[in-house]
Amino acid sequence: SVSISLKNHFRKYVIKIIKFLKLNENSLIVEIGSNDGILLRNFGKLKKNCIGIEPSKNIAKESEKYGIKIIKKFFNFNLTKNIKKKANLIIANNVFAHIPTINDTLKGLKNLLSKDGTINIEFPHLLNLLKFKQFDTIYHEHFFYFSLNSLIKIFNRHGLKIWNIEKINTHGGSLRIYASHKERVIKTDKSVINILEEEKKFGITNLNTYKNFQKIIEKNRKEIREFFNKKRILKQKICGFGAAAKSTTLINYCKIKNDEIMAMFDNSKNKYNKFIPGAKIPILKPTKSRLKDYDIIIIFAWNIKKEIMFFLKKLIDKDTEIGLFIPKLKILKLKK
């Protein structure tokens, strides 16, 4: 809930899905990986029929403050046996890639879903990862990187079908899929065919696509290293903004040291006075007095770039440069 853009994204989603699926006070809504309740809190009077499944107990407590029922366990097939009512809507946003036991999860979704129920899953689209060089999103928490092509096969295996898809802007370009039981009579939207065609045209199932991606990323790393070597000679001071997991991937892959990026700023108080793993770059609260010491600020949480740049406008000098490394090295200045 630290991200304003994500809060707005989920609020708009809830308004839309209630209307689209005609959800009411008898509908059971289940969210897998409900986090701190950023999504479920928006269901208003329907909240009493919401269940969040969140194994992180400290984060689950935040959801409970909003009166949301939380099951503090990992989602799996056995867990669904203990939920007596079938779900009209099952939500799993930005969590599917984190689950190693994917077949057991699909089995659980199938078991929990009501006869006419809908599954909504949001996930970063593999096509965008490859197309926009988002190599920093490859890290320890992600077991899978999904294309629609692969996801349809997994769903089919478990008696589920994907019948509609929306493209959304979160996390560098994601897909929101709509799925139901195979036997449910519902027309498949042309969006499914269109995205499958996009993937085919791009070469999503071609091994050479991935070999070329590796070469491109190695070239990017070389450019980033040259950037830091040049700035060292010019004695320019550099800091980062956005202590997301993706920053750890990029910093360690590019062998960036803590005398090259001297601090990482973030708006999450839970990260203050901790460090970027591997590089030992300190994570600090952003203040005007601290930021004024730096010539360049690199935005690592590029997926919320607009939100960060709007925030920085109030704190930095007009001569401070803003840097981006994804999809390519770019330096710009904020317009005051």
Protein backbone atom coordinates (compact mmCIF):
# COMPACT_ATOMS: atom_id res chain seq x y z
CA SER A 1 0.00 0.00 0.00
CA VAL A 2 3.02 2.30 -0.11
CA SER A 3 2.42 2.73 -3.85
CA ILE A 4 -0.29 5.26 -4.70
CA SER A 5 -0.53 4.00 -8.28
CA LEU A 6 -1.14 0.41 -7.15
CA LYS A 7 -3.78 1.55 -4.64
CA ASN A 8 -5.61 3.35 -7.45
CA HIS A 9 -5.19 0.37 -9.78
CA PHE A 10 -6.85 -2.05 -7.36
CA ARG A 11 -9.60 0.40 -6.40
CA LYS A 12 -10.60 0.78 -10.06
CA TYR A 13 -10.42 -2.99 -10.55
CA VAL A 14 -12.83 -3.68 -7.67
CA ILE A 15 -15.39 -1.16 -8.98
CA LYS A 16 -15.18 -2.75 -12.42
CA ILE A 17 -15.31 -6.42 -11.37
CA ILE A 18 -18.31 -5.99 -9.04
CA LYS A 19 -20.29 -4.56 -11.95
CA PHE A 20 -18.93 -6.97 -14.59
CA LEU A 21 -19.63 -10.16 -12.60
CA LYS A 22 -22.72 -8.76 -10.85
CA LEU A 23 -21.28 -9.63 -7.44
CA ASN A 24 -23.57 -9.24 -4.42
CA GLU A 25 -23.62 -9.84 -0.67
CA ASN A 26 -24.02 -13.59 -1.25
CA SER A 27 -20.87 -13.79 -3.39
CA LEU A 28 -17.73 -15.34 -1.92
CA ILE A 29 -14.57 -13.51 -2.98
CA VAL A 30 -11.18 -15.10 -2.27
CA GLU A 31 -7.81 -13.46 -2.86
CA ILE A 32 -4.62 -15.53 -2.91
CA GLY A 33 -1.69 -13.49 -1.63
CA SER A 34 -3.87 -10.73 -0.19
CA ASN A 35 -0.86 -8.89 1.26
CA ASP A 36 -1.92 -5.96 3.50
CA GLY A 37 -5.46 -5.81 2.10
CA ILE A 38 -4.65 -3.24 -0.59
CA LEU A 39 -7.27 -4.83 -2.88
CA LEU A 40 -9.89 -6.45 -0.63
CA ARG A 41 -10.47 -3.34 1.50
CA ASN A 42 -12.16 -1.78 -1.54
CA PHE A 43 -15.08 -4.22 -1.58
CA GLY A 44 -17.03 -2.13 0.94
CA LYS A 45 -20.25 -3.85 2.05
CA LEU A 46 -19.15 -7.03 0.23
CA LYS A 47 -16.07 -7.19 2.47
CA LYS A 48 -17.79 -9.49 4.97
CA ASN A 49 -17.79 -12.23 2.31
CA CYS A 50 -14.13 -11.73 1.39
CA ILE A 51 -11.38 -14.13 2.42
CA GLY A 52 -7.71 -13.26 2.06
CA ILE A 53 -5.10 -16.02 1.99
CA GLU A 54 -1.81 -14.58 3.22
CA PRO A 55 0.94 -16.67 4.89
CA SER A 56 2.96 -13.64 6.07
CA LYS A 57 1.43 -13.13 9.51
CA ASN A 58 2.82 -9.65 10.12
CA ILE A 59 1.40 -8.39 6.82
CA ALA A 60 -1.89 -10.27 7.34
CA LYS A 61 -2.45 -8.26 10.54
CA GLU A 62 -2.68 -5.10 8.43
CA SER A 63 -5.57 -6.63 6.46
CA GLU A 64 -7.40 -7.59 9.63
CA LYS A 65 -7.51 -3.93 10.66
CA TYR A 66 -9.98 -3.45 7.80
CA GLY A 67 -12.22 -6.26 9.03
CA ILE A 68 -11.09 -8.73 6.38
CA LYS A 69 -11.05 -12.43 7.25
CA ILE A 70 -7.56 -13.85 6.67
CA ILE A 71 -6.35 -17.43 6.44
CA LYS A 72 -2.69 -17.23 7.47
CA LYS A 73 -1.47 -20.15 5.37
CA PHE A 74 -0.07 -20.87 1.93
CA PHE A 75 -2.71 -21.62 -0.69
CA ASN A 76 -2.87 -25.25 -1.85
CA PHE A 77 -5.37 -27.94 -2.76
CA ASN A 78 -5.73 -29.25 0.81
CA LEU A 79 -6.53 -25.77 2.11
CA THR A 80 -9.48 -25.49 -0.30
CA LYS A 81 -11.08 -28.57 1.30
CA ASN A 82 -11.59 -26.54 4.47
CA ILE A 83 -13.42 -23.67 2.76
CA LYS A 84 -17.01 -24.89 2.79
CA LYS A 85 -18.49 -22.44 0.27
CA LYS A 86 -17.41 -22.26 -3.36
CA ALA A 87 -15.96 -18.96 -4.57
CA ASN A 88 -17.69 -16.75 -7.14
CA LEU A 89 -14.45 -14.85 -7.71
CA ILE A 90 -10.87 -15.97 -7.04
CA ILE A 91 -8.17 -13.32 -7.40
CA ALA A 92 -4.42 -13.94 -7.63
CA ASN A 93 -2.51 -10.78 -8.55
CA ASN A 94 1.26 -10.79 -8.97
CA VAL A 95 1.55 -13.98 -6.97
CA PHE A 96 1.26 -16.76 -9.55
CA ALA A 97 4.91 -16.56 -10.56
CA HIS A 98 5.92 -17.06 -6.90
CA ILE A 99 4.33 -20.50 -6.53
CA PRO A 100 6.62 -23.51 -7.22
CA THR A 101 3.83 -26.11 -6.88
CA ILE A 102 1.84 -24.74 -9.80
CA ASN A 103 -0.13 -27.91 -10.56
CA ASP A 104 -1.32 -28.26 -6.97
CA THR A 105 -2.36 -24.59 -7.07
CA LEU A 106 -4.44 -25.12 -10.24
CA LYS A 107 -6.03 -28.17 -8.65
CA GLY A 108 -6.94 -25.96 -5.68
CA LEU A 109 -8.41 -23.25 -7.91
CA LYS A 110 -10.53 -25.83 -9.70
CA ASN A 111 -11.81 -27.23 -6.39
CA LEU A 112 -12.60 -23.84 -4.83
CA LEU A 113 -14.33 -22.28 -7.85
CA SER A 114 -18.13 -22.24 -8.02
CA LYS A 115 -19.93 -23.64 -11.06
CA ASP A 116 -20.31 -20.21 -12.68
CA GLY A 117 -17.33 -18.63 -10.91
CA THR A 118 -14.46 -16.61 -12.38
CA ILE A 119 -10.72 -16.64 -11.75
CA ASN A 120 -8.83 -13.36 -12.23
CA ILE A 121 -5.05 -13.52 -12.34
CA GLU A 122 -2.71 -10.60 -13.04
CA PHE A 123 0.89 -11.38 -13.98
CA PRO A 124 3.76 -9.62 -15.76
CA HIS A 125 3.69 -10.75 -19.39
CA LEU A 126 6.81 -12.62 -20.52
CA LEU A 127 6.49 -10.91 -23.89
CA ASN A 128 7.10 -7.51 -22.27
CA LEU A 129 10.00 -8.83 -20.18
CA LEU A 130 11.75 -9.85 -23.40
CA LYS A 131 10.62 -6.94 -25.56
CA PHE A 132 11.49 -4.17 -23.07
CA LYS A 133 14.62 -5.81 -21.63
CA GLN A 134 13.18 -6.14 -18.10
CA PHE A 135 15.92 -8.52 -16.95
CA ASP A 136 15.86 -7.06 -13.43
CA THR A 137 12.47 -8.70 -12.81
CA ILE A 138 14.23 -12.08 -12.85
CA TYR A 139 14.97 -12.84 -9.21
CA HIS A 140 14.72 -15.39 -6.41
CA GLU A 141 10.98 -15.04 -5.67
CA HIS A 142 9.91 -15.85 -9.22
CA PHE A 143 9.73 -19.53 -10.17
CA PHE A 144 7.89 -18.85 -13.45
CA TYR A 145 7.67 -16.22 -16.19
CA PHE A 146 4.39 -16.74 -18.01
CA SER A 147 3.38 -16.34 -21.59
CA LEU A 148 -0.29 -16.79 -22.46
CA ASN A 149 0.77 -19.77 -24.56
CA SER A 150 2.14 -21.60 -21.51
CA LEU A 151 -0.65 -20.56 -19.15
CA ILE A 152 -3.42 -21.84 -21.43
CA LYS A 153 -1.75 -25.28 -21.47
CA ILE A 154 -1.56 -25.41 -17.66
CA PHE A 155 -5.17 -24.30 -17.23
CA ASN A 156 -6.42 -26.81 -19.81
CA ARG A 157 -4.62 -29.60 -17.96
CA HIS A 158 -6.75 -28.87 -14.89
CA GLY A 159 -10.11 -28.46 -16.58
CA LEU A 160 -10.06 -24.66 -16.68
CA LYS A 161 -10.27 -22.34 -19.68
CA ILE A 162 -9.11 -18.77 -20.24
CA TRP A 163 -11.86 -16.86 -22.04
CA ASN A 164 -10.91 -13.18 -21.77
CA ILE A 165 -7.78 -11.09 -21.32
CA GLU A 166 -7.04 -7.45 -20.55
CA LYS A 167 -3.71 -5.73 -21.03
CA ILE A 168 -2.79 -3.61 -18.01
CA ASN A 169 0.12 -1.28 -17.30
CA THR A 170 1.29 -2.59 -13.92
CA HIS A 171 4.80 -4.02 -13.49
CA GLY A 172 6.00 -3.05 -16.93
CA GLY A 173 3.04 -4.52 -18.80
CA SER A 174 0.85 -7.29 -17.40
CA LEU A 175 -2.07 -9.45 -18.43
CA ARG A 176 -5.28 -9.93 -16.47
CA ILE A 177 -6.86 -13.22 -17.41
CA TYR A 178 -10.44 -14.37 -16.87
CA ALA A 179 -10.86 -18.13 -16.47
CA SER A 180 -13.66 -20.53 -15.54
CA HIS A 181 -14.49 -24.23 -15.54
CA LYS A 182 -14.10 -25.75 -19.02
CA GLU A 183 -17.69 -26.96 -18.98
CA ARG A 184 -19.07 -23.47 -18.36
CA VAL A 185 -20.73 -22.21 -21.54
CA ILE A 186 -19.05 -18.88 -22.22
CA LYS A 187 -17.72 -17.38 -25.44
CA THR A 188 -13.96 -16.93 -25.77
CA ASP A 189 -13.13 -13.29 -26.42
CA LYS A 190 -11.01 -12.36 -29.45
CA SER A 191 -8.43 -10.87 -27.03
CA VAL A 192 -7.21 -14.43 -26.31
CA ILE A 193 -6.54 -15.14 -29.99
CA ASN A 194 -4.99 -11.71 -30.54
CA ILE A 195 -2.43 -12.09 -27.75
CA LEU A 196 -1.55 -15.64 -28.81
CA GLU A 197 -0.87 -14.25 -32.29
CA GLU A 198 1.28 -11.47 -30.82
CA GLU A 199 3.35 -14.02 -28.94
CA LYS A 200 3.75 -16.22 -32.00
CA LYS A 201 4.86 -13.28 -34.14
CA PHE A 202 7.39 -12.22 -31.49
CA GLY A 203 8.82 -15.75 -31.27
CA ILE A 204 7.82 -16.58 -27.71
CA THR A 205 8.25 -20.34 -28.34
CA ASN A 206 11.50 -19.94 -30.31
CA LEU A 207 14.70 -20.73 -28.40
CA ASN A 208 16.64 -18.12 -30.42
CA THR A 209 14.44 -15.38 -28.91
CA TYR A 210 15.95 -16.17 -25.50
CA LYS A 211 19.50 -16.55 -26.77
CA ASN A 212 19.24 -13.10 -28.39
CA PHE A 213 17.79 -11.69 -25.16
CA GLN A 214 20.90 -12.80 -23.29
CA LYS A 215 23.16 -11.01 -25.80
CA ILE A 216 21.09 -7.82 -25.53
CA ILE A 217 21.27 -7.83 -21.73
CA GLU A 218 25.02 -8.39 -21.73
CA LYS A 219 25.31 -5.30 -23.96
CA ASN A 220 23.10 -3.33 -21.54
CA ARG A 221 25.32 -4.32 -18.62
CA LYS A 222 28.39 -3.10 -20.49
CA GLU A 223 26.72 0.30 -21.11
CA ILE A 224 25.73 0.62 -17.45
CA ARG A 225 29.27 -0.20 -16.31
CA GLU A 226 30.68 2.41 -18.73
CA PHE A 227 28.21 4.95 -17.31
CA PHE A 228 29.50 4.45 -13.75
CA ASN A 229 33.14 4.50 -14.83
CA LYS A 230 32.55 7.83 -16.61
CA LYS A 231 30.71 9.37 -13.65
CA ARG A 232 33.48 8.25 -11.30
CA ILE A 233 36.00 10.23 -13.39
CA LEU A 234 33.69 13.27 -13.32
CA LYS A 235 33.31 12.82 -9.53
CA GLN A 236 29.52 13.00 -9.76
CA LYS A 237 27.59 11.61 -6.78
CA ILE A 238 24.88 9.06 -7.56
CA CYS A 239 22.05 7.61 -5.49
CA GLY A 240 19.13 5.30 -6.26
CA PHE A 241 15.38 5.44 -5.68
CA GLY A 242 13.22 2.35 -5.19
CA ALA A 243 14.64 -0.48 -3.07
CA ALA A 244 12.56 -3.09 -4.88
CA ALA A 245 13.80 -6.64 -5.48
CA LYS A 246 14.52 -5.64 -9.08
CA SER A 247 17.13 -3.15 -7.85
CA THR A 248 19.03 -5.99 -6.16
CA THR A 249 19.10 -8.00 -9.39
CA LEU A 250 20.38 -5.11 -11.51
CA ILE A 251 22.92 -3.84 -8.97
CA ASN A 252 24.48 -7.27 -8.42
CA TYR A 253 24.39 -8.29 -12.08
CA CYS A 254 26.13 -5.05 -13.09
CA LYS A 255 28.53 -5.26 -10.12
CA ILE A 256 27.59 -1.79 -8.87
CA LYS A 257 29.38 -0.96 -5.63
CA ASN A 258 28.35 1.18 -2.66
CA ASP A 259 30.87 3.85 -3.60
CA GLU A 260 29.13 4.15 -7.00
CA ILE A 261 25.57 4.27 -5.65
CA MET A 262 26.06 5.69 -2.18
CA ALA A 263 22.45 5.41 -0.96
CA MET A 264 19.11 3.94 -2.00
CA PHE A 265 16.01 5.98 -1.13
CA ASP A 266 12.55 4.48 -0.70
CA ASN A 267 9.15 5.53 0.64
CA SER A 268 8.63 2.32 2.61
CA LYS A 269 9.52 2.85 6.27
CA ASN A 270 9.94 -0.94 6.65
CA LYS A 271 13.12 -0.74 4.55
CA TYR A 272 14.85 2.16 6.33
CA ASN A 273 18.30 1.46 7.79
CA LYS A 274 18.54 -1.83 5.94
CA PHE A 275 20.78 -2.58 2.94
CA ILE A 276 20.64 -3.74 -0.67
CA PRO A 277 21.81 -7.39 -0.50
CA GLY A 278 25.22 -8.06 -1.98
CA ALA A 279 26.16 -4.42 -2.48
CA LYS A 280 25.47 -3.21 1.09
CA ILE A 281 23.99 0.07 -0.16
CA PRO A 282 22.08 1.71 2.74
CA ILE A 283 18.32 2.30 2.31
CA LEU A 284 17.21 5.70 3.61
CA LYS A 285 14.14 7.88 3.94
CA PRO A 286 14.09 10.48 1.14
CA THR A 287 14.38 14.05 2.40
CA LYS A 288 15.27 17.32 0.69
CA SER A 289 18.44 17.70 2.76
CA ARG A 290 19.66 14.21 1.84
CA LEU A 291 18.78 14.28 -1.86
CA LYS A 292 20.46 17.64 -2.47
CA ASP A 293 23.84 15.95 -2.01
CA TYR A 294 23.47 13.98 -5.25
CA ASP A 295 24.00 14.93 -8.89
CA ILE A 296 22.10 11.94 -10.32
CA ILE A 297 19.21 9.85 -8.98
CA ILE A 298 18.69 6.45 -10.64
CA ILE A 299 15.07 5.22 -10.53
CA PHE A 300 15.18 1.45 -9.99
CA ALA A 301 11.44 1.01 -9.38
CA TRP A 302 10.78 1.96 -13.01
CA ASN A 303 7.28 0.40 -12.94
CA ILE A 304 6.12 3.36 -10.80
CA LYS A 305 8.38 5.88 -12.53
CA LYS A 306 5.69 8.58 -12.90
CA GLU A 307 4.76 8.36 -9.24
CA ILE A 308 8.42 8.66 -8.16
CA MET A 309 9.16 11.56 -10.49
CA PHE A 310 6.12 13.46 -9.23
CA PHE A 311 7.35 12.87 -5.67
CA LEU A 312 10.91 13.98 -6.47
CA LYS A 313 9.78 17.26 -8.04
CA LYS A 314 9.18 18.68 -4.58
CA LEU A 315 12.53 17.60 -3.17
CA ILE A 316 15.31 18.02 -5.71
CA ASP A 317 17.16 20.86 -7.33
CA LYS A 318 16.39 21.65 -10.99
CA ASP A 319 19.93 20.65 -11.97
CA THR A 320 19.65 17.14 -10.51
CA GLU A 321 19.54 14.50 -13.24
CA ILE A 322 17.24 11.47 -13.25
CA GLY A 323 18.51 8.18 -14.61
CA LEU A 324 16.76 5.06 -15.90
CA PHE A 325 18.40 1.75 -16.85
CA ILE A 326 15.30 -0.11 -18.10
CA PRO A 327 14.56 -0.60 -20.97
CA LYS A 328 17.80 1.24 -21.76
CA LEU A 329 20.16 3.77 -20.22
CA LYS A 330 18.53 7.18 -20.25
CA ILE A 331 19.31 10.42 -18.40
CA LEU A 332 16.85 13.31 -18.13
CA LYS A 333 15.92 16.32 -16.02
CA LEU A 334 12.64 16.95 -14.25
CA LYS A 335 10.53 19.81 -15.53
CA LYS A 336 9.73 22.05 -12.59
